[in-house]
Amino acid sequence: MSTIHFIFTGGTIDSYYDVTKDTAVPYVHSVIPQYLASLKLYTPFRFSRICMKDSRDIGMNDRKKMLRAIEKSTCSKILLTHGTYTMPKTAQFLHQHLRRRDQTIILTGSMIPLMGFSPSDAGFSLGFALAKIQQLPPGVYVAMNGRAFTPGEVKKNIRKGRFES
């Protein structure tokens, strides 16, 4: 069974609601490893963190760090958690600049934080991405709202609160 390398960058999926700021704020450390451990999954995981930011604050240096981490990974399956605002932009960047072509890379996130909110789309997003990463051929994908998108087609429709092509 292939190890799946999770790379964390923050986003709503790994955030809590800060009432003093009236917004979701990323945790310093991801809560996803704890969540996955509670599920008793068979798949082995590896975890690393690039940053813990709102995706609107992710810049070119962060994307270059993501690219380097993916290229250096010994894993053929990479699951990158990312905020939804700029997820398509990061997917397009990775698709354009990735030299390796032997990895399946999926970006996923959520509109509602994983912890502290019910219902949340976060658990479903993680489960869907984990299922798709075992089925999709090498390439870069965005897995949101129960669908896998290619970087060239994916868009976030803020008005509808979901991703579409």
Protein backbone atom coordinates (compact mmCIF):
# COMPACT_ATOMS: atom_id res chain seq x y z
CA MET A 1 0.00 0.00 0.00
CA SER A 2 1.45 3.36 -1.05
CA THR A 3 2.14 6.00 1.56
CA ILE A 4 0.20 9.20 1.01
CA HIS A 5 2.18 12.35 1.72
CA PHE A 6 0.02 15.10 3.19
CA ILE A 7 1.41 18.59 2.73
CA PHE A 8 -0.35 21.25 4.82
CA THR A 9 -0.67 24.91 3.85
CA GLY A 10 -3.52 26.02 6.12
CA GLY A 11 -6.83 27.24 4.78
CA THR A 12 -10.28 26.91 6.31
CA ILE A 13 -10.00 23.13 6.63
CA ASP A 14 -7.27 23.64 9.26
CA SER A 15 -8.77 26.73 10.94
CA TYR A 16 -10.77 27.81 13.97
CA TYR A 17 -13.22 30.66 14.25
CA ASP A 18 -11.72 33.71 15.98
CA VAL A 19 -14.57 35.84 17.32
CA THR A 20 -12.25 38.82 17.89
CA LYS A 21 -11.40 38.87 14.19
CA ASP A 22 -14.82 37.63 12.99
CA THR A 23 -13.14 35.12 10.66
CA ALA A 24 -11.55 31.70 10.45
CA VAL A 25 -7.85 31.67 11.35
CA PRO A 26 -5.51 28.76 10.54
CA TYR A 27 -4.11 26.76 13.46
CA VAL A 28 -0.34 26.81 13.98
CA HIS A 29 -0.27 23.00 13.56
CA SER A 30 -2.63 20.92 11.45
CA VAL A 31 -5.47 19.03 13.13
CA ILE A 32 -5.70 16.62 10.19
CA PRO A 33 -3.24 13.98 11.50
CA GLN A 34 -5.30 13.66 14.70
CA TYR A 35 -8.51 13.41 12.67
CA LEU A 36 -7.08 10.73 10.36
CA ALA A 37 -5.74 8.72 13.32
CA SER A 38 -9.26 8.63 14.78
CA LEU A 39 -10.55 6.95 11.59
CA LYS A 40 -8.29 3.87 11.90
CA LEU A 41 -7.49 3.86 8.19
CA TYR A 42 -5.25 1.25 6.58
CA THR A 43 -3.31 3.72 4.47
CA PRO A 44 0.07 4.87 5.80
CA PHE A 45 0.59 8.64 5.87
CA ARG A 46 3.50 11.04 5.94
CA PHE A 47 2.93 14.66 7.03
CA SER A 48 4.75 17.91 6.36
CA ARG A 49 3.87 21.57 6.63
CA ILE A 50 4.76 24.37 4.24
CA CYS A 51 2.80 27.12 6.00
CA MET A 52 -0.50 27.62 7.81
CA LYS A 53 -2.12 30.53 6.01
CA ASP A 54 -5.39 31.77 4.63
CA SER A 55 -4.97 31.04 0.93
CA ARG A 56 -5.42 34.72 0.11
CA ASP A 57 -2.07 35.20 1.89
CA ILE A 58 -0.26 32.46 -0.06
CA GLY A 59 2.30 33.97 -2.40
CA MET A 60 4.77 32.85 -5.02
CA ASN A 61 7.41 31.89 -2.44
CA ASP A 62 4.88 29.58 -0.73
CA ARG A 63 3.98 27.99 -4.07
CA LYS A 64 7.66 27.44 -4.86
CA LYS A 65 8.08 25.74 -1.46
CA MET A 66 5.10 23.49 -2.27
CA LEU A 67 6.64 22.63 -5.62
CA ARG A 68 10.01 21.78 -4.03
CA ALA A 69 8.36 19.65 -1.33
CA ILE A 70 6.40 17.70 -3.94
CA GLU A 71 9.41 17.19 -6.18
CA LYS A 72 11.56 16.01 -3.22
CA SER A 73 8.91 13.65 -1.85
CA THR A 74 9.61 9.93 -2.10
CA CYS A 75 5.85 9.34 -2.31
CA SER A 76 3.94 8.96 -5.56
CA LYS A 77 0.71 10.20 -3.96
CA ILE A 78 0.57 13.75 -2.59
CA LEU A 79 -2.45 15.28 -0.89
CA LEU A 80 -2.04 19.04 -0.48
CA THR A 81 -4.49 20.77 1.84
CA HIS A 82 -5.11 24.35 0.77
CA GLY A 83 -7.51 27.22 1.28
CA THR A 84 -10.22 27.46 -1.32
CA TYR A 85 -9.81 31.06 -2.46
CA THR A 86 -6.57 30.48 -4.39
CA MET A 87 -6.60 26.70 -4.73
CA PRO A 88 -7.13 26.82 -8.53
CA LYS A 89 -4.20 29.24 -8.90
CA THR A 90 -1.88 26.94 -6.95
CA ALA A 91 -3.06 23.88 -8.92
CA GLN A 92 -2.31 25.69 -12.18
CA PHE A 93 1.13 26.77 -10.90
CA LEU A 94 2.01 23.21 -9.88
CA HIS A 95 0.73 21.78 -13.16
CA GLN A 96 2.84 24.27 -15.17
CA HIS A 97 6.06 23.94 -13.16
CA LEU A 98 6.18 20.35 -11.96
CA ARG A 99 9.04 18.45 -13.60
CA ARG A 100 8.09 15.07 -12.19
CA ARG A 101 5.29 13.28 -13.98
CA ASP A 102 5.12 10.15 -11.80
CA GLN A 103 3.01 11.56 -8.97
CA THR A 104 -0.69 11.97 -8.39
CA ILE A 105 -1.21 15.29 -6.62
CA ILE A 106 -4.56 16.34 -5.24
CA LEU A 107 -5.38 19.69 -3.70
CA THR A 108 -8.34 19.74 -1.34
CA GLY A 109 -9.82 21.89 1.38
CA SER A 110 -13.15 22.95 2.76
CA MET A 111 -15.54 25.84 3.13
CA ILE A 112 -16.10 25.02 6.83
CA PRO A 113 -13.34 24.11 9.34
CA LEU A 114 -12.73 20.42 10.12
CA MET A 115 -12.93 20.87 13.89
CA GLY A 116 -15.57 22.70 15.90
CA PHE A 117 -18.28 22.94 13.26
CA SER A 118 -21.07 20.57 12.41
CA PRO A 119 -21.89 19.95 9.70
CA SER A 120 -18.61 20.55 7.88
CA ASP A 121 -17.61 19.57 4.38
CA ALA A 122 -14.01 19.00 5.55
CA GLY A 123 -14.28 15.31 6.46
CA PHE A 124 -16.02 14.55 3.18
CA SER A 125 -13.38 16.50 1.23
CA LEU A 126 -10.57 14.53 2.88
CA GLY A 127 -12.32 11.19 2.33
CA PHE A 128 -13.15 11.98 -1.28
CA ALA A 129 -9.56 13.10 -1.97
CA LEU A 130 -8.17 9.96 -0.32
CA ALA A 131 -10.40 7.79 -2.50
CA LYS A 132 -9.59 9.66 -5.72
CA ILE A 133 -5.82 9.69 -5.11
CA GLN A 134 -5.89 5.90 -5.26
CA GLN A 135 -7.75 5.92 -8.60
CA LEU A 136 -6.48 8.86 -10.65
CA PRO A 137 -3.43 8.61 -12.92
CA PRO A 138 -0.40 10.83 -12.29
CA GLY A 139 -1.15 14.53 -12.63
CA VAL A 140 -2.43 17.51 -10.66
CA TYR A 141 -6.08 17.65 -9.57
CA VAL A 142 -8.43 19.61 -7.34
CA ALA A 143 -10.90 17.46 -5.39
CA MET A 144 -13.81 19.53 -4.07
CA ASN A 145 -17.56 19.09 -3.75
CA GLY A 146 -17.44 15.42 -4.71
CA ARG A 147 -15.68 15.98 -8.01
CA ALA A 148 -12.10 15.87 -9.26
CA PHE A 149 -11.11 18.75 -11.55
CA THR A 150 -8.07 19.38 -13.71
CA PRO A 151 -6.16 22.63 -13.08
CA GLY A 152 -7.21 24.06 -16.45
CA GLU A 153 -10.92 23.71 -15.81
CA VAL A 154 -11.46 24.37 -12.11
CA LYS A 155 -12.99 27.58 -10.75
CA LYS A 156 -14.40 28.53 -7.37
CA ASN A 157 -17.88 29.99 -7.64
CA ILE A 158 -18.16 32.08 -4.48
CA ARG A 159 -21.82 32.92 -5.13
CA LYS A 160 -22.75 29.22 -5.25
CA GLY A 161 -20.24 28.22 -2.56
CA ARG A 162 -18.71 25.41 -4.61
CA PHE A 163 -16.18 24.54 -7.27
CA GLU A 164 -17.11 24.02 -10.91
CA SER A 165 -15.61 23.82 -14.36
